[in-house]
């Protein structure tokens, strides 16, 4: 990442980082780099004039998820420079899976605890000819309202690209 700091990018290259809650990282993404390392890298890139975005994904709905994701946003705000020249962008993507992905994950990671119970999800046909299991419409609406409200309150100048 340090090799990008002195490149002439003219502010045209947005770099995005995927982040998630401590619970999601511990239970489902234990082999990924820490959120602190990602935020530290984003601060370096911000100081080099890069537009920065954060992808909150995959969002898992569980008891207390709203508090965890709000704390994630608050921690992020506290770690970023206060007077940013460029707005931060956000993309929020709910957890979803295809039957094929589920089968592969279960084959490779036999002891995984990913919430992939088909009976608790809604099946949705995708634009590329295959379907996926998503949270039901009410859960997705609730999640979307939550993130719209919290991101706007915590990052008033942020650009929310989408919440799905």
Protein backbone atom coordinates (compact mmCIF):
# COMPACT_ATOMS: atom_id res chain seq x y z
CA UNK A 1 0.00 0.00 0.00
CA UNK A 2 2.87 2.37 0.76
CA UNK A 3 3.91 2.19 -2.90
CA UNK A 4 0.66 3.99 -3.80
CA UNK A 5 1.29 7.03 -1.62
CA UNK A 6 3.44 8.99 -4.08
CA UNK A 7 1.65 8.09 -7.31
CA UNK A 8 0.09 10.98 -9.24
CA UNK A 9 -3.59 10.01 -8.99
CA UNK A 10 -5.19 13.48 -9.23
CA UNK A 11 -7.85 12.39 -6.71
CA UNK A 12 -9.42 10.15 -9.35
CA UNK A 13 -8.69 6.80 -7.76
CA UNK A 14 -10.94 5.80 -4.89
CA UNK A 15 -9.59 3.09 -2.64
CA UNK A 16 -12.08 1.12 -0.61
CA UNK A 17 -11.62 -1.06 2.44
CA UNK A 18 -13.93 -3.80 3.65
CA UNK A 19 -14.70 -3.61 7.36
CA UNK A 20 -16.87 -5.56 9.75
CA UNK A 21 -17.66 -5.90 13.45
CA UNK A 22 -15.39 -7.64 15.92
CA UNK A 23 -17.98 -10.41 16.27
CA UNK A 24 -18.13 -10.99 12.51
CA UNK A 25 -14.34 -10.94 12.25
CA UNK A 26 -13.86 -13.35 15.15
CA UNK A 27 -16.60 -15.80 14.16
CA UNK A 28 -16.58 -15.67 10.37
CA UNK A 29 -13.48 -13.84 9.06
CA UNK A 30 -10.71 -14.87 11.41
CA UNK A 31 -8.13 -15.18 8.63
CA UNK A 32 -8.49 -11.60 7.39
CA UNK A 33 -6.33 -8.63 8.32
CA UNK A 34 -7.37 -6.54 11.31
CA UNK A 35 -9.71 -3.60 11.01
CA UNK A 36 -7.07 -1.43 12.70
CA UNK A 37 -4.57 -2.20 9.92
CA UNK A 38 -7.16 -1.35 7.30
CA UNK A 39 -8.07 1.93 8.99
CA UNK A 40 -4.38 2.83 9.43
CA UNK A 41 -3.86 2.21 5.71
CA UNK A 42 -6.90 4.33 4.85
CA UNK A 43 -5.55 7.23 6.91
CA UNK A 44 -2.23 7.11 5.02
CA UNK A 45 -4.11 7.15 1.72
CA UNK A 46 -6.37 10.00 2.86
CA UNK A 47 -3.31 12.04 3.72
CA UNK A 48 -1.98 11.29 0.22
CA UNK A 49 -5.19 12.77 -1.23
CA UNK A 50 -6.97 9.58 -2.24
CA UNK A 51 -10.76 9.42 -1.99
CA UNK A 52 -11.55 6.62 0.47
CA UNK A 53 -14.52 4.32 0.80
CA UNK A 54 -15.57 1.64 3.23
CA UNK A 55 -17.53 -1.45 2.34
CA UNK A 56 -19.35 -2.80 5.36
CA UNK A 57 -19.76 -6.41 4.36
CA UNK A 58 -21.08 -8.88 4.78
CA UNK A 59 -23.57 -7.52 7.30
CA UNK A 60 -24.80 -10.28 9.56
CA UNK A 61 -28.11 -9.87 11.35
CA UNK A 62 -27.89 -11.27 14.87
CA UNK A 63 -29.03 -10.23 18.33
CA UNK A 64 -27.26 -6.95 19.10
CA UNK A 65 -26.01 -6.41 15.55
CA UNK A 66 -27.15 -2.79 15.46
CA UNK A 67 -25.12 -1.88 18.52
CA UNK A 68 -22.06 -3.66 17.10
CA UNK A 69 -22.31 -1.95 13.70
CA UNK A 70 -22.93 1.45 15.32
CA UNK A 71 -19.82 0.95 17.44
CA UNK A 72 -17.91 0.01 14.28
CA UNK A 73 -18.94 3.31 12.68
CA UNK A 74 -18.11 5.31 15.82
CA UNK A 75 -14.68 3.64 16.12
CA UNK A 76 -14.02 4.40 12.47
CA UNK A 77 -14.96 8.05 12.94
CA UNK A 78 -12.65 8.33 15.96
CA UNK A 79 -9.70 6.90 14.03
CA UNK A 80 -10.05 9.02 10.89
CA UNK A 81 -8.72 12.58 10.60
CA UNK A 82 -11.35 15.13 11.62
CA UNK A 83 -11.04 17.67 8.80
CA UNK A 84 -11.27 15.63 5.64
CA UNK A 85 -11.01 17.35 2.27
CA UNK A 86 -12.96 14.59 0.55
CA UNK A 87 -16.13 12.83 1.70
CA UNK A 88 -15.90 9.20 2.74
CA UNK A 89 -18.06 6.79 0.75
CA UNK A 90 -19.92 3.78 2.11
CA UNK A 91 -21.34 0.64 0.59
CA UNK A 92 -23.27 -1.77 2.79
CA UNK A 93 -23.87 -5.35 1.67
CA UNK A 94 -25.96 -7.84 3.63
CA UNK A 95 -24.83 -11.43 3.98
CA UNK A 96 -26.12 -13.59 1.14
CA UNK A 97 -25.06 -16.85 -0.39
CA UNK A 98 -25.71 -19.20 -3.29
CA UNK A 99 -26.22 -22.94 -2.86
CA UNK A 100 -22.91 -23.53 -4.65
CA UNK A 101 -21.02 -21.12 -2.36
CA UNK A 102 -22.60 -22.71 0.71
CA UNK A 103 -21.60 -26.20 -0.46
CA UNK A 104 -18.00 -25.12 -1.13
CA UNK A 105 -17.68 -23.31 2.21
CA UNK A 106 -19.12 -26.29 4.09
CA UNK A 107 -16.77 -28.66 2.28
CA UNK A 108 -13.61 -26.62 2.94
CA UNK A 109 -14.52 -25.25 6.38
CA UNK A 110 -16.47 -28.13 7.91
CA UNK A 111 -16.66 -26.48 11.34
CA UNK A 112 -17.84 -23.05 10.09
CA UNK A 113 -20.63 -21.29 11.92
CA UNK A 114 -21.80 -19.03 9.10
CA UNK A 115 -25.55 -18.42 9.35
CA UNK A 116 -26.59 -20.27 6.19
CA UNK A 117 -29.89 -21.89 7.11
CA UNK A 118 -31.97 -21.82 3.93
CA UNK A 119 -35.21 -21.97 5.94
CA UNK A 120 -34.38 -18.64 7.59
CA UNK A 121 -33.73 -16.88 4.28
CA UNK A 122 -35.61 -15.79 1.22
CA UNK A 123 -34.59 -17.22 -2.14
CA UNK A 124 -34.09 -14.58 -4.81
CA UNK A 125 -33.31 -15.16 -8.46
CA UNK A 126 -30.32 -13.13 -9.58
CA UNK A 127 -29.71 -11.20 -12.77
CA UNK A 128 -27.09 -13.69 -13.95
CA UNK A 129 -29.37 -16.72 -14.03
CA UNK A 130 -28.71 -18.14 -10.59
CA UNK A 131 -30.40 -17.57 -7.26
CA UNK A 132 -29.16 -16.67 -3.83
CA UNK A 133 -30.40 -16.80 -0.28
CA UNK A 134 -30.89 -13.38 1.28
CA UNK A 135 -32.42 -12.04 4.48
CA UNK A 136 -36.17 -11.55 4.27
CA UNK A 137 -37.60 -8.25 3.06
CA UNK A 138 -38.44 -6.92 6.56
CA UNK A 139 -34.93 -7.67 7.88
CA UNK A 140 -33.35 -6.00 4.86
CA UNK A 141 -35.55 -2.90 5.20
CA UNK A 142 -34.74 -2.65 8.90
CA UNK A 143 -31.03 -3.02 8.18
CA UNK A 144 -31.19 -0.40 5.43
CA UNK A 145 -33.00 2.13 7.66
CA UNK A 146 -30.50 1.53 10.44
CA UNK A 147 -27.43 2.12 8.25
CA UNK A 148 -28.92 5.16 6.50
CA UNK A 149 -29.65 6.80 9.85
CA UNK A 150 -26.36 5.92 11.54
CA UNK A 151 -24.06 6.76 8.64
CA UNK A 152 -25.81 10.11 8.10
CA UNK A 153 -25.54 10.97 11.80
CA UNK A 154 -21.95 9.81 12.31
CA UNK A 155 -20.59 10.86 8.89
CA UNK A 156 -22.84 13.74 7.75
CA UNK A 157 -20.76 14.44 4.63
CA UNK A 158 -20.51 10.79 3.60
CA UNK A 159 -21.65 9.44 0.29
CA UNK A 160 -23.76 6.31 0.64
CA UNK A 161 -23.39 4.48 -2.67
CA UNK A 162 -25.80 1.69 -1.84
CA UNK A 163 -27.19 -0.54 0.85
CA UNK A 164 -28.27 -4.01 -0.25
